[in-house]
C-alpha cells in the first residue's frame, strides 16, 4: 500500500482532505498529518511516505521550502500541492521542484481521487516488468476465481437444476445426485498484514483456505468441492458426497481437522456448521440454510467449534415440550424496576446473566439466542410505552433489530446493543410523569455545538438516539423554543461569522468548514438569516476592524 502524509496548518482542512479519500478502496495507507513544513519534514524522515498532500502557506516552514528539503531526503516522493491561493506564481515555483499536481481549496473529492489514481499508476510503472506481469496474472486469477464463486454461489442460493458446461458446476450437480452433506466454514475477520500477507494478497489467503478444505476432503475419501461464498465473504462452502459411507461423527472429525489446519497453516480462526445428510436430488439451498443456521451457534458457544444442524432440531423439540417462557416473570419485573430506577450497572449485569445462562445449555443454538434477544427488546418497548404514546415509540423496528442480531458473532455484541438501547430508554423515562425528556435534547444540542460541521440530520438523530424524527422535533421545540433545523443552522452560521474575520480564508472554505458542501446553498441560507450575502457581511466586518 502507498503511504500518504497530509500537511496543512488548518485542522479542519486536514480532516476534510482525509475524509474525501476512500483509503481502503484505493489501497492507500494514512501515516499521519502535520501542521507545518518542519513537522512534515520530520515525519517524512521517520515514516517515509510515498505521497505528500501539502498546503503552500504555513507557519514555521512553508510548503515550497518543504518541497525543496524533502527532495534531498527522498527524490521519489510525489507531492500534490493543495492551496487556497490560485496564484500561478505558487504553481510555477512548485513545478520547479517536479510537482505536476496542483489542486485548489476546497478540494473536490473526485479530482483528488483522479490525482491519487494517477500517482498510483506512476508507482506501478516504476515496478519491473516481471512484477507487472505478476500483478496482471494475479488479477486474472482473481477474476477467474470470482466467476467460479459466483456460479457456485448461485447454485446453492437457487432451486434451479439446469445443466451447465462449467466443470466445477457440473461436479456439484453430480454431488447433488448422490447423498451429500454441506459445510459452512465461517472465518473470523482478520486484518492485514496477516502472516506476511498484505491487503492485495487477500485472494491468496482464501485460495489457501479452499486448498486446505479440498485436500482434507480428498484424504477422508470424500471427493467434494469447496468455494468462497460471493455475498457472505467470510464463508467457505464445502459440498461433499457421502454415498452412505459417512455418519455424523465422521463429518465432525473432518470439520475439526479443518479448523486445526486453518489455525496451523494460516493462523485463521473459524467455526463450522454441518447440514443433515441429504438424499439424492435434495435441495442444495436447503442444505446451505441448515449449515448456516448451525454455524451461527458460535454466537453462544464461541469460535473454533463444530456445530451440527441435527443438534439444533433436538433443542427446538425440547423447548416446545417444556412450555416454559424465555424469561421468568419475576425476572421481567426485576428488569422493569432497574430501568425505572435508571440503574445502569445492575442492568448490564442482568443482561449478561441472561446470556450466560443460555450459554450454559450445550444444546442452545442461534434461534434460542434470537428469541432471548427479541424478548428483551420487546420488554424495553413495553416499559417505554408506559411513558410515551405507542404511536411515537422511538425504538427501531423489530426487523432492523433482527438484522443487527444476524451480524453478531458473539452474544456480547448483542448484549452491548441492548444495553445502549436500554440507556436511551432510561434517558426518556422522566423522574416523574410530568417531567419532559430534557436529557436527550440536551445531549443532541451538546453534540451539535461541538460537531456542527458533520452531516447532522433528523435521520442521523433517529439512528443514534433511537427516536422517531417527528417525536424528536416536537420535544426539541418544547425544550428549546425553536425547531431542530433552525438551531443547527444558527450554530453553523455563528461559527461562519467568526471565521469571516480571517481574511486568508475564502468564503467557499468557510462554508465547507462549518458543514456546507455547496457554497451556493451556504450563501442562500446566510442571506435568509442575516439579510445580506456572506460577501457583503464580510466586507462590513473587515471594514470595522
Protein backbone atom coordinates (compact mmCIF):
# COMPACT_ATOMS: atom_id res chain seq x y z
CA UNK A 1 0.00 0.00 0.00
CA UNK A 2 1.23 3.50 -0.82
CA UNK A 3 1.74 5.67 2.27
CA UNK A 4 0.21 9.16 2.37
CA UNK A 5 1.03 12.19 4.57
CA UNK A 6 -1.33 15.22 4.82
CA UNK A 7 0.15 18.67 5.61
CA UNK A 8 -1.96 21.78 6.37
CA UNK A 9 -1.95 24.29 9.21
CA UNK A 10 -5.78 24.18 9.46
CA UNK A 11 -7.08 21.12 11.42
CA UNK A 12 -10.44 21.30 9.62
CA UNK A 13 -8.69 21.17 6.26
CA UNK A 14 -6.60 18.16 7.25
CA UNK A 15 -9.72 16.37 8.45
CA UNK A 16 -11.63 17.35 5.32
CA UNK A 17 -8.92 16.03 2.99
CA UNK A 18 -8.71 12.80 4.98
CA UNK A 19 -12.49 12.23 4.75
CA UNK A 20 -12.51 12.73 0.97
CA UNK A 21 -10.17 9.78 0.37
CA UNK A 22 -11.56 6.23 0.26
CA UNK A 23 -8.46 4.73 1.85
CA UNK A 24 -9.41 1.07 1.74
CA UNK A 25 -10.83 1.08 -1.77
CA UNK A 26 -7.80 2.92 -3.16
CA UNK A 27 -5.39 0.76 -1.12
CA UNK A 28 -3.70 3.77 0.45
CA UNK A 29 -2.30 3.96 3.98
CA UNK A 30 -2.66 7.13 6.07
CA UNK A 31 0.62 7.53 8.00
CA UNK A 32 -0.10 10.87 9.66
CA UNK A 33 -0.64 14.61 9.31
CA UNK A 34 1.38 17.72 10.06
CA UNK A 35 0.53 21.36 10.80
CA UNK A 36 3.64 22.90 9.19
CA UNK A 37 6.56 22.06 6.93
CA UNK A 38 9.03 21.45 9.73
CA UNK A 39 6.81 18.86 11.39
CA UNK A 40 6.15 17.30 7.97
CA UNK A 41 9.88 17.07 7.22
CA UNK A 42 10.44 15.13 10.43
CA UNK A 43 7.58 12.75 9.59
CA UNK A 44 8.96 12.24 6.08
CA UNK A 45 12.23 11.11 7.63
CA UNK A 46 10.51 8.82 10.15
CA UNK A 47 7.55 7.39 8.20
CA UNK A 48 8.86 7.56 4.62
CA UNK A 49 5.58 8.38 2.82
CA UNK A 50 5.21 7.80 -0.92
CA UNK A 51 2.74 10.68 -1.42
CA UNK A 52 2.53 14.03 0.39
CA UNK A 53 -0.57 16.27 0.11
CA UNK A 54 0.56 19.73 1.24
CA UNK A 55 -0.61 23.31 1.58
CA UNK A 56 1.69 26.18 0.47
CA UNK A 57 1.26 28.94 3.04
CA UNK A 58 2.03 27.60 6.50
CA UNK A 59 3.84 28.92 9.59
CA UNK A 60 7.38 27.86 10.62
CA UNK A 61 8.21 26.35 7.20
CA UNK A 62 6.03 26.86 4.14
CA UNK A 63 5.17 24.25 1.52
CA UNK A 64 7.73 25.40 -1.06
CA UNK A 65 10.64 25.05 1.38
CA UNK A 66 9.23 21.66 2.40
CA UNK A 67 9.31 20.56 -1.25
CA UNK A 68 12.93 21.64 -1.62
CA UNK A 69 14.20 19.91 1.53
CA UNK A 70 12.10 16.78 1.11
CA UNK A 71 13.61 16.20 -2.34
CA UNK A 72 17.01 16.00 -0.65
CA UNK A 73 15.72 13.24 1.65
CA UNK A 74 13.86 11.17 -0.97
CA UNK A 75 13.65 12.19 -4.62
CA UNK A 76 10.94 9.58 -5.25
CA UNK A 77 8.28 11.24 -3.09
CA UNK A 78 5.33 12.51 -5.12
CA UNK A 79 3.80 15.81 -3.97
CA UNK A 80 0.29 17.16 -4.52
CA UNK A 81 0.05 20.88 -3.75
CA UNK A 82 -3.31 21.93 -2.29
CA UNK A 83 -3.73 25.66 -1.83
CA UNK A 84 -6.42 28.25 -1.38
CA UNK A 85 -4.45 30.70 -3.48
CA UNK A 86 -4.99 30.31 -7.20
CA UNK A 87 -1.82 32.29 -7.95
CA UNK A 88 0.20 30.99 -10.88
CA UNK A 89 3.43 32.06 -9.18
CA UNK A 90 2.99 29.40 -6.48
CA UNK A 91 2.14 26.74 -9.03
CA UNK A 92 5.16 27.67 -11.15
CA UNK A 93 7.55 27.51 -8.18
CA UNK A 94 6.10 24.16 -7.15
CA UNK A 95 6.60 22.84 -10.68
CA UNK A 96 10.29 23.75 -10.41
CA UNK A 97 10.53 21.03 -7.78
CA UNK A 98 8.88 18.46 -10.03
CA UNK A 99 5.29 18.89 -8.78
CA UNK A 100 2.76 18.22 -11.51
CA UNK A 101 -0.45 18.10 -9.45
CA UNK A 102 -1.89 21.35 -8.08
CA UNK A 103 -5.40 21.48 -6.53
CA UNK A 104 -7.40 24.43 -5.24
CA UNK A 105 -9.30 24.55 -1.96
CA UNK A 106 -11.96 23.47 -1.22
CA UNK A 107 -10.73 20.19 -2.61
CA UNK A 108 -13.09 18.33 -4.92
CA UNK A 109 -13.24 14.66 -3.87
CA UNK A 110 -13.45 13.42 -7.47
CA UNK A 111 -10.45 15.49 -8.60
CA UNK A 112 -8.44 14.31 -5.60
CA UNK A 113 -9.27 10.67 -6.38
CA UNK A 114 -8.21 11.12 -10.01
CA UNK A 115 -4.86 12.61 -8.94
CA UNK A 116 -4.22 9.76 -6.48
CA UNK A 117 -5.05 7.18 -9.15
CA UNK A 118 -2.52 8.81 -11.48
CA UNK A 119 0.12 8.69 -8.76
CA UNK A 120 -0.63 5.02 -8.13
CA UNK A 121 -0.14 4.38 -11.84
CA UNK A 122 3.16 6.27 -11.62
CA UNK A 123 4.46 3.99 -8.87
CA UNK A 124 3.17 0.91 -10.68
CA UNK A 125 5.02 1.92 -13.85
CA UNK A 126 8.27 2.05 -11.86
CA UNK A 127 8.00 -1.62 -10.96
CA UNK A 128 9.92 -4.12 -13.00
CA UNK A 129 8.26 -5.79 -15.99
CA UNK A 130 8.29 -9.09 -14.12
CA UNK A 131 6.43 -7.57 -11.15
CA UNK A 132 3.90 -6.01 -13.52
CA UNK A 133 3.26 -9.31 -15.28
CA UNK A 134 2.90 -10.98 -11.89
CA UNK A 135 0.31 -8.37 -10.90
CA UNK A 136 -1.66 -8.90 -14.11
CA UNK A 137 -1.56 -12.66 -13.60
CA UNK A 138 -2.82 -12.24 -10.05
CA UNK A 139 -5.72 -10.08 -11.25
CA UNK A 140 -6.53 -12.66 -13.92
CA UNK A 141 -6.59 -15.47 -11.37
CA UNK A 142 -8.73 -13.41 -9.00
CA UNK A 143 -11.27 -12.68 -11.76
CA UNK A 144 -11.32 -16.33 -12.80
CA UNK A 145 -11.94 -17.44 -9.21
CA UNK A 146 -14.65 -14.78 -8.78
CA UNK A 147 -16.53 -16.14 -11.78
CA UNK A 148 -16.32 -19.66 -10.35
CA UNK A 149 -17.53 -18.46 -6.94
CA UNK A 150 -20.46 -16.57 -8.46
CA UNK A 151 -21.68 -19.65 -10.35
CA UNK A 152 -21.37 -21.98 -7.38
CA UNK A 153 -22.97 -19.47 -5.00
CA UNK A 154 -25.85 -19.13 -7.42
CA UNK A 155 -26.24 -22.90 -7.32
CA UNK A 156 -26.68 -23.11 -3.54
CA UNK A 157 -28.86 -19.97 -3.38
CA UNK A 158 -31.33 -21.05 -6.06
CA UNK A 159 -33.51 -24.09 -6.65
CA UNK A 160 -32.66 -24.20 -10.37
CA UNK A 161 -31.41 -27.53 -11.75
CA UNK A 162 -30.33 -26.60 -15.28
CA UNK A 163 -27.23 -28.30 -16.62
CA UNK A 164 -24.08 -26.27 -17.21
CA UNK A 165 -20.87 -26.94 -19.09
CA UNK A 166 -18.57 -25.44 -16.46
CA UNK A 167 -16.51 -28.22 -14.86
CA UNK A 168 -16.98 -27.12 -11.22
CA UNK A 169 -20.70 -26.63 -11.64
CA UNK A 170 -21.02 -29.99 -13.35
CA UNK A 171 -19.23 -31.58 -10.39
CA UNK A 172 -21.53 -30.02 -7.82
CA UNK A 173 -24.55 -31.24 -9.82
CA UNK A 174 -23.09 -34.79 -9.77
CA UNK A 175 -22.61 -34.49 -6.00
CA UNK A 176 -26.22 -33.38 -5.63
CA UNK A 177 -27.29 -36.54 -7.48
CA UNK A 178 -25.89 -38.63 -4.60
CA UNK A 179 -26.19 -38.48 -0.81
CA UNK A 180 -24.41 -35.29 0.22
CA UNK A 181 -23.58 -33.08 3.20
CA UNK A 182 -22.74 -29.39 3.19
CA UNK A 183 -20.30 -27.47 5.43
CA UNK A 184 -20.34 -23.72 6.07
CA UNK A 185 -16.87 -22.67 7.28
CA UNK A 186 -17.23 -19.21 8.81
CA UNK A 187 -13.84 -17.50 9.17
CA UNK A 188 -13.32 -14.88 11.85
CA UNK A 189 -12.42 -11.46 10.33
CA UNK A 190 -8.68 -10.79 10.15
CA UNK A 191 -6.65 -7.67 9.45
CA UNK A 192 -3.59 -7.03 7.33
CA UNK A 193 -0.71 -7.58 7.39
CA UNK A 194 -1.54 -11.19 8.26
CA UNK A 195 1.13 -13.89 8.36
CA UNK A 196 3.21 -11.98 5.81
CA UNK A 197 0.21 -11.28 3.52
CA UNK A 198 -0.79 -7.74 2.53
CA UNK A 199 -4.21 -6.38 1.51
CA UNK A 200 -3.62 -7.21 -2.15
CA UNK A 201 -2.99 -10.85 -1.14
CA UNK A 202 -6.46 -11.45 0.32
CA UNK A 203 -7.48 -13.66 -2.60
CA UNK A 204 -4.38 -15.80 -1.99
CA UNK A 205 -5.39 -16.38 1.64
CA UNK A 206 -8.84 -17.55 0.57
CA UNK A 207 -7.28 -19.75 -2.09
CA UNK A 208 -5.25 -21.28 0.76
CA UNK A 209 -8.43 -21.90 2.77
CA UNK A 210 -10.06 -23.56 -0.23
CA UNK A 211 -6.97 -25.70 -0.86
CA UNK A 212 -6.83 -26.90 2.78
CA UNK A 213 -10.52 -27.84 2.77
CA UNK A 214 -10.40 -29.74 -0.53
CA UNK A 215 -7.21 -31.60 0.44
CA UNK A 216 -8.79 -32.78 3.68
CA UNK A 217 -11.91 -33.90 1.80
CA UNK A 218 -9.76 -35.98 -0.56
CA UNK A 219 -7.80 -37.51 2.32
CA UNK A 220 -11.06 -38.50 4.04
CA UNK A 221 -12.34 -40.22 0.89
CA UNK A 222 -14.99 -37.57 0.17
CA UNK A 223 -14.07 -36.06 -3.19
CA UNK A 224 -16.01 -32.82 -2.67
CA UNK A 225 -15.71 -29.23 -3.79
CA UNK A 226 -15.06 -26.01 -1.86
CA UNK A 227 -15.62 -22.37 -2.79
CA UNK A 228 -15.98 -18.95 -1.19
CA UNK A 229 -19.48 -17.50 -0.95
CA UNK A 230 -19.82 -14.45 -3.21
CA UNK A 231 -22.05 -12.38 -0.90
CA UNK A 232 -21.13 -13.69 2.56
CA UNK A 233 -17.42 -13.16 2.04
CA UNK A 234 -16.42 -14.68 5.40
CA UNK A 235 -17.83 -18.09 4.40
CA UNK A 236 -16.18 -21.01 2.63
CA UNK A 237 -18.69 -23.62 1.43
CA UNK A 238 -17.84 -27.31 1.10
CA UNK A 239 -20.17 -29.84 -0.56
CA UNK A 240 -19.18 -33.48 -0.22
CA UNK A 241 -20.80 -36.72 -1.43
CA UNK A 242 -21.39 -39.32 1.27
CA UNK A 243 -22.87 -42.28 -0.65
CA UNK A 244 -23.78 -43.84 2.66
CA UNK A 245 -20.14 -44.03 3.76
CA UNK A 246 -20.22 -41.37 6.43
CA UNK A 247 -22.03 -40.56 9.61
CA UNK A 248 -22.29 -37.51 11.80
CA UNK A 249 -19.16 -38.46 13.74
CA UNK A 250 -17.11 -38.70 10.52
CA UNK A 251 -18.20 -35.26 9.40
CA UNK A 252 -17.44 -33.74 12.79
CA UNK A 253 -13.95 -35.27 12.61
CA UNK A 254 -13.31 -33.82 9.14
CA UNK A 255 -14.57 -30.42 10.29
CA UNK A 256 -12.34 -30.50 13.38
CA UNK A 257 -9.32 -31.34 11.22
CA UNK A 258 -10.19 -28.38 9.01
CA UNK A 259 -10.28 -26.00 11.98
CA UNK A 260 -6.91 -27.29 13.20
CA UNK A 261 -5.33 -26.95 9.74
CA UNK A 262 -6.60 -23.40 9.23
CA UNK A 263 -5.20 -22.44 12.62
CA UNK A 264 -1.84 -24.17 11.98
CA UNK A 265 -1.09 -23.12 8.40
CA UNK A 266 -2.89 -19.78 8.01
CA UNK A 267 -3.38 -18.67 11.64
CA UNK A 268 -7.10 -18.28 11.00
CA UNK A 269 -9.89 -18.98 13.47
CA UNK A 270 -13.21 -20.31 12.23
CA UNK A 271 -16.41 -22.15 13.16
CA UNK A 272 -18.08 -24.83 11.02
CA UNK A 273 -21.75 -25.69 10.58
CA UNK A 274 -22.82 -29.08 9.20
CA UNK A 275 -26.12 -29.78 7.45
CA UNK A 276 -28.06 -33.01 7.73
CA UNK A 277 -27.15 -35.72 5.24
CA UNK A 278 -29.45 -35.25 2.26
CA UNK A 279 -30.98 -37.82 -0.06
CA UNK A 280 -30.12 -37.80 -3.80
CA UNK A 281 -31.53 -34.77 -5.60
CA UNK A 282 -32.29 -32.90 -2.38
CA UNK A 283 -32.08 -29.11 -2.38
CA UNK A 284 -28.59 -27.64 -2.02
CA UNK A 285 -30.26 -24.41 -0.96
CA UNK A 286 -31.96 -26.15 1.97
CA UNK A 287 -28.70 -27.85 2.99
CA UNK A 288 -26.89 -24.50 2.91
CA UNK A 289 -29.54 -22.87 5.10
CA UNK A 290 -29.25 -25.73 7.59
CA UNK A 291 -25.46 -25.46 7.83
CA UNK A 292 -25.58 -21.68 8.06
CA UNK A 293 -28.14 -21.82 10.86
CA UNK A 294 -25.95 -24.35 12.68
CA UNK A 295 -22.72 -22.31 12.42
CA UNK A 296 -24.44 -19.30 13.94
CA UNK A 297 -24.25 -21.25 17.18
CA UNK A 298 -20.86 -19.61 17.61
CA UNK A 299 -22.71 -16.55 18.91
CA UNK A 300 -23.33 -18.51 22.14
CA UNK A 301 -20.57 -21.10 22.34
CA UNK A 302 -17.68 -19.39 20.59
CA UNK A 303 -15.26 -19.76 17.72
CA UNK A 304 -13.18 -22.86 16.91
CA UNK A 305 -16.04 -25.35 17.24
CA UNK A 306 -18.18 -27.59 15.02
CA UNK A 307 -21.96 -27.14 15.07
CA UNK A 308 -24.42 -29.68 13.71
CA UNK A 309 -27.91 -28.84 12.48
CA UNK A 310 -29.23 -32.15 13.83
CA UNK A 311 -28.44 -31.00 17.39
CA UNK A 312 -30.50 -27.84 16.82
CA UNK A 313 -33.56 -29.87 15.88
CA UNK A 314 -33.38 -31.78 19.20
CA UNK A 315 -33.05 -28.48 21.11
CA UNK A 316 -36.11 -26.95 19.39
CA UNK A 317 -38.24 -30.04 20.23
CA UNK A 318 -37.26 -29.90 23.91
CA UNK A 319 -38.16 -26.24 24.15
CA UNK A 320 -41.63 -26.79 22.68
CA UNK A 321 -42.27 -29.70 25.03
CA UNK A 322 -41.25 -27.77 28.14
CA UNK A 323 -43.71 -24.93 27.54
CA UNK A 324 -41.58 -22.63 29.69
CA UNK A 325 -41.25 -18.92 28.99
CA UNK A 326 -37.94 -17.48 27.79
CA UNK A 327 -37.53 -15.20 30.83
CA UNK A 328 -39.29 -15.83 34.12
CA UNK A 329 -41.97 -13.31 35.08
CA UNK A 330 -40.16 -12.31 38.25
CA UNK A 331 -37.01 -11.55 36.23
CA UNK A 332 -39.05 -9.37 33.85
CA UNK A 333 -40.27 -7.42 36.88
CA UNK A 334 -36.68 -7.01 38.11
CA UNK A 335 -35.60 -5.69 34.71
CA UNK A 336 -38.50 -3.23 34.58
CA UNK A 337 -37.66 -1.91 38.05
CA UNK A 338 -33.99 -1.47 37.14
CA UNK A 339 -34.97 0.57 34.08
CA UNK A 340 -37.30 2.79 36.12
CA UNK A 341 -34.54 3.32 38.70
CA UNK A 342 -32.02 4.01 35.91
CA UNK A 343 -29.52 1.60 37.45
CA UNK A 344 -27.10 1.12 34.55
CA UNK A 345 -24.62 -1.09 36.40
CA UNK A 346 -27.21 -3.64 37.52
CA UNK A 347 -28.93 -3.58 34.10
CA UNK A 348 -25.61 -4.52 32.47
CA UNK A 349 -25.18 -7.39 34.95
CA UNK A 350 -28.80 -8.53 34.42
CA UNK A 351 -28.33 -8.68 30.64
CA UNK A 352 -25.08 -10.60 30.99
CA UNK A 353 -26.75 -13.09 33.33
CA UNK A 354 -29.48 -13.85 30.77
CA UNK A 355 -26.95 -14.68 28.07
CA UNK A 356 -24.54 -16.64 30.26
CA UNK A 357 -27.46 -18.76 31.49
CA UNK A 358 -28.36 -19.55 27.88
CA UNK A 359 -24.72 -20.31 27.04
CA UNK A 360 -24.63 -22.89 29.82
CA UNK A 361 -27.07 -25.03 27.81
CA UNK A 362 -24.96 -27.10 25.35
CA UNK A 363 -27.95 -27.71 23.06
CA UNK A 364 -28.85 -24.00 22.73
CA UNK A 365 -28.39 -22.53 19.27
CA UNK A 366 -28.84 -19.32 17.31
CA UNK A 367 -32.66 -19.46 17.35
CA UNK A 368 -32.59 -19.54 21.16
CA UNK A 369 -30.22 -16.56 21.13
CA UNK A 370 -32.52 -14.68 18.74
CA UNK A 371 -35.64 -15.42 20.81
CA UNK A 372 -33.97 -14.25 24.03
CA UNK A 373 -32.68 -11.04 22.40
CA UNK A 374 -36.03 -10.18 20.80
CA UNK A 375 -37.82 -10.89 24.08
CA UNK A 376 -35.57 -8.40 25.93
CA UNK A 377 -36.08 -5.92 23.10
CA UNK A 378 -39.87 -6.24 23.46
CA UNK A 379 -39.54 -5.65 27.22
CA UNK A 380 -37.76 -2.36 26.51
CA UNK A 381 -40.56 -1.29 24.19
CA UNK A 382 -43.17 -2.30 26.76
CA UNK A 383 -41.53 -0.23 29.52
CA UNK A 384 -41.20 2.79 27.28
CA UNK A 385 -44.83 2.58 26.17
CA UNK A 386 -45.83 3.43 29.76
CA UNK A 387 -44.34 6.90 29.30
CA UNK A 388 -44.75 7.59 25.58
CA UNK A 389 -47.71 7.22 23.26
CA UNK A 390 -47.29 3.84 21.45
CA UNK A 391 -47.65 5.62 18.09
CA UNK A 392 -44.50 7.58 18.92
CA UNK A 393 -42.35 4.71 20.18
CA UNK A 394 -38.76 5.56 19.48
CA UNK A 395 -37.04 2.20 19.11
CA UNK A 396 -36.14 0.88 15.69
CA UNK A 397 -38.47 -1.62 14.11
CA UNK A 398 -38.03 -5.28 15.07
CA UNK A 399 -36.91 -6.20 11.55
CA UNK A 400 -33.95 -3.84 11.87
CA UNK A 401 -33.00 -5.29 15.25
CA UNK A 402 -33.21 -8.82 13.80
CA UNK A 403 -30.67 -7.77 11.17
CA UNK A 404 -28.42 -6.46 13.92
CA UNK A 405 -28.58 -9.87 15.63
CA UNK A 406 -27.63 -11.65 12.40
CA UNK A 407 -24.43 -9.60 12.23
CA UNK A 408 -23.37 -10.56 15.78
CA UNK A 409 -20.53 -13.06 16.06
CA UNK A 410 -20.76 -13.21 19.86
CA UNK A 411 -23.52 -12.71 22.41
CA UNK A 412 -21.51 -9.87 23.98
CA UNK A 413 -22.22 -7.72 20.90
CA UNK A 414 -25.96 -8.30 21.27
CA UNK A 415 -25.74 -7.54 24.97
CA UNK A 416 -23.94 -4.26 24.23
CA UNK A 417 -26.56 -3.29 21.63
CA UNK A 418 -29.40 -3.95 24.08
CA UNK A 419 -27.57 -2.06 26.83
CA UNK A 420 -27.21 1.02 24.61
CA UNK A 421 -30.91 0.77 23.76
CA UNK A 422 -31.70 0.49 27.49
CA UNK A 423 -29.66 3.67 28.12
CA UNK A 424 -31.77 5.51 25.55
CA UNK A 425 -34.96 4.23 27.22
CA UNK A 426 -33.69 5.43 30.61
CA UNK A 427 -32.96 8.87 29.17
CA UNK A 428 -36.57 9.10 28.06
CA UNK A 429 -38.09 7.88 31.31
CA UNK A 430 -38.82 11.07 33.29
CA UNK A 431 -38.14 11.23 37.00
CA UNK A 432 -41.85 11.94 37.37
CA UNK A 433 -44.77 11.72 34.99
CA UNK A 434 -44.86 15.47 34.35
CA UNK A 435 -41.18 15.88 33.53
CA UNK A 436 -40.01 16.47 29.96
CA UNK A 437 -37.30 14.44 28.25
CA UNK A 438 -34.58 17.04 28.70
CA UNK A 439 -31.68 14.60 28.82
CA UNK A 440 -31.96 13.52 25.19
CA UNK A 441 -32.48 17.07 23.91
CA UNK A 442 -29.51 18.38 25.92
CA UNK A 443 -27.34 15.57 24.61
CA UNK A 444 -28.24 16.34 20.99
CA UNK A 445 -27.71 20.07 21.47
CA UNK A 446 -24.33 19.44 23.06
CA UNK A 447 -23.34 17.24 20.12
CA UNK A 448 -24.39 19.92 17.60
CA UNK A 449 -22.44 22.59 19.48
CA UNK A 450 -19.22 20.58 19.14
CA UNK A 451 -19.77 18.71 15.85
CA UNK A 452 -21.74 21.25 13.79
CA UNK A 453 -19.51 20.61 10.73
CA UNK A 454 -20.69 16.99 10.44
CA UNK A 455 -23.65 15.79 8.36
CA UNK A 456 -26.21 16.03 11.17
CA UNK A 457 -29.80 15.40 10.07
CA UNK A 458 -33.04 14.21 11.67
CA UNK A 459 -32.32 10.77 10.19
CA UNK A 460 -28.93 10.84 11.94
CA UNK A 461 -30.62 11.68 15.26
CA UNK A 462 -33.11 8.83 14.78
CA UNK A 463 -30.31 6.32 14.12
CA UNK A 464 -28.11 7.42 17.04
CA UNK A 465 -30.76 8.02 19.69
CA UNK A 466 -33.47 5.55 18.58
CA UNK A 467 -36.02 8.33 18.49
CA UNK A 468 -38.75 8.93 15.95
CA UNK A 469 -37.94 12.11 13.95
CA UNK A 470 -41.42 13.61 14.36
CA UNK A 471 -41.49 12.96 18.08
CA UNK A 472 -37.96 14.34 18.49
CA UNK A 473 -38.93 17.54 16.63
CA UNK A 474 -41.83 18.07 18.99
CA UNK A 475 -39.64 17.53 22.06
CA UNK A 476 -36.88 19.77 20.70
CA UNK A 477 -39.31 22.64 20.03
CA UNK A 478 -40.80 22.32 23.52
CA UNK A 479 -37.38 22.28 25.18
CA UNK A 480 -35.55 24.85 23.03
CA UNK A 481 -38.29 27.13 21.79
CA UNK A 482 -37.17 26.64 18.18
CA UNK A 483 -37.06 23.80 15.71
CA UNK A 484 -34.09 21.48 15.22
CA UNK A 485 -33.01 22.67 11.76
CA UNK A 486 -33.06 26.33 12.81
CA UNK A 487 -30.85 25.57 15.80
CA UNK A 488 -28.34 23.66 13.66
CA UNK A 489 -28.29 26.48 11.09
CA UNK A 490 -27.73 29.16 13.72
CA UNK A 491 -24.82 27.25 15.28
CA UNK A 492 -23.17 26.75 11.90
CA UNK A 493 -23.64 30.35 10.76
CA UNK A 494 -22.38 31.79 14.07
CA UNK A 495 -19.12 29.89 13.52
CA UNK A 496 -19.06 31.07 9.90
CA UNK A 497 -19.32 34.69 11.05
CA UNK A 498 -16.44 34.13 13.48
CA UNK A 499 -14.25 32.74 10.67
CA UNK A 500 -15.02 35.67 8.35
CA UNK A 501 -12.61 37.87 10.29
CA UNK A 502 -9.78 35.73 8.89
CA UNK A 503 -9.08 37.38 5.55
CA UNK A 504 -6.97 34.42 4.38
CA UNK A 505 -10.00 32.12 4.25
CA UNK A 506 -12.20 32.10 1.17
CA UNK A 507 -15.96 32.01 1.66
CA UNK A 508 -16.09 28.62 -0.05
CA UNK A 509 -13.60 27.32 2.52
CA UNK A 510 -15.65 28.73 5.39
CA UNK A 511 -18.79 27.08 4.01
CA UNK A 512 -17.00 23.73 3.90
CA UNK A 513 -15.57 24.14 7.41
CA UNK A 514 -18.98 24.74 9.02
CA UNK A 515 -20.64 21.81 7.24
CA UNK A 516 -21.98 23.03 3.88
CA UNK A 517 -20.90 21.09 0.78
CA UNK A 518 -22.39 23.71 -1.55
CA UNK A 519 -21.13 27.30 -1.44
CA UNK A 520 -24.29 28.45 -3.26
CA UNK A 521 -26.57 26.83 -0.66
CA UNK A 522 -24.49 28.32 2.15
CA UNK A 523 -24.92 31.78 0.61
CA UNK A 524 -28.68 31.28 0.25
CA UNK A 525 -29.10 30.20 3.90
CA UNK A 526 -26.83 33.00 5.12
CA UNK A 527 -28.77 35.69 3.21
CA UNK A 528 -32.06 34.33 4.58
CA UNK A 529 -30.85 34.62 8.20
CA UNK A 530 -28.74 37.82 8.06
CA UNK A 531 -30.48 39.67 5.25
CA UNK A 532 -27.27 40.20 3.22
CA UNK A 533 -24.89 37.98 1.26
CA UNK A 534 -21.86 36.44 3.03
CA UNK A 535 -19.59 38.59 0.84
CA UNK A 536 -21.27 41.83 1.90
CA UNK A 537 -21.40 40.77 5.54
CA UNK A 538 -17.68 40.02 5.50
CA UNK A 539 -16.86 43.37 3.88
CA UNK A 540 -18.64 45.09 6.76
CA UNK A 541 -16.71 43.01 9.32
CA UNK A 542 -13.32 43.70 7.75
CA UNK A 543 -14.12 47.40 7.33
CA UNK A 544 -14.84 47.73 11.04
CA UNK A 545 -11.56 46.08 12.06
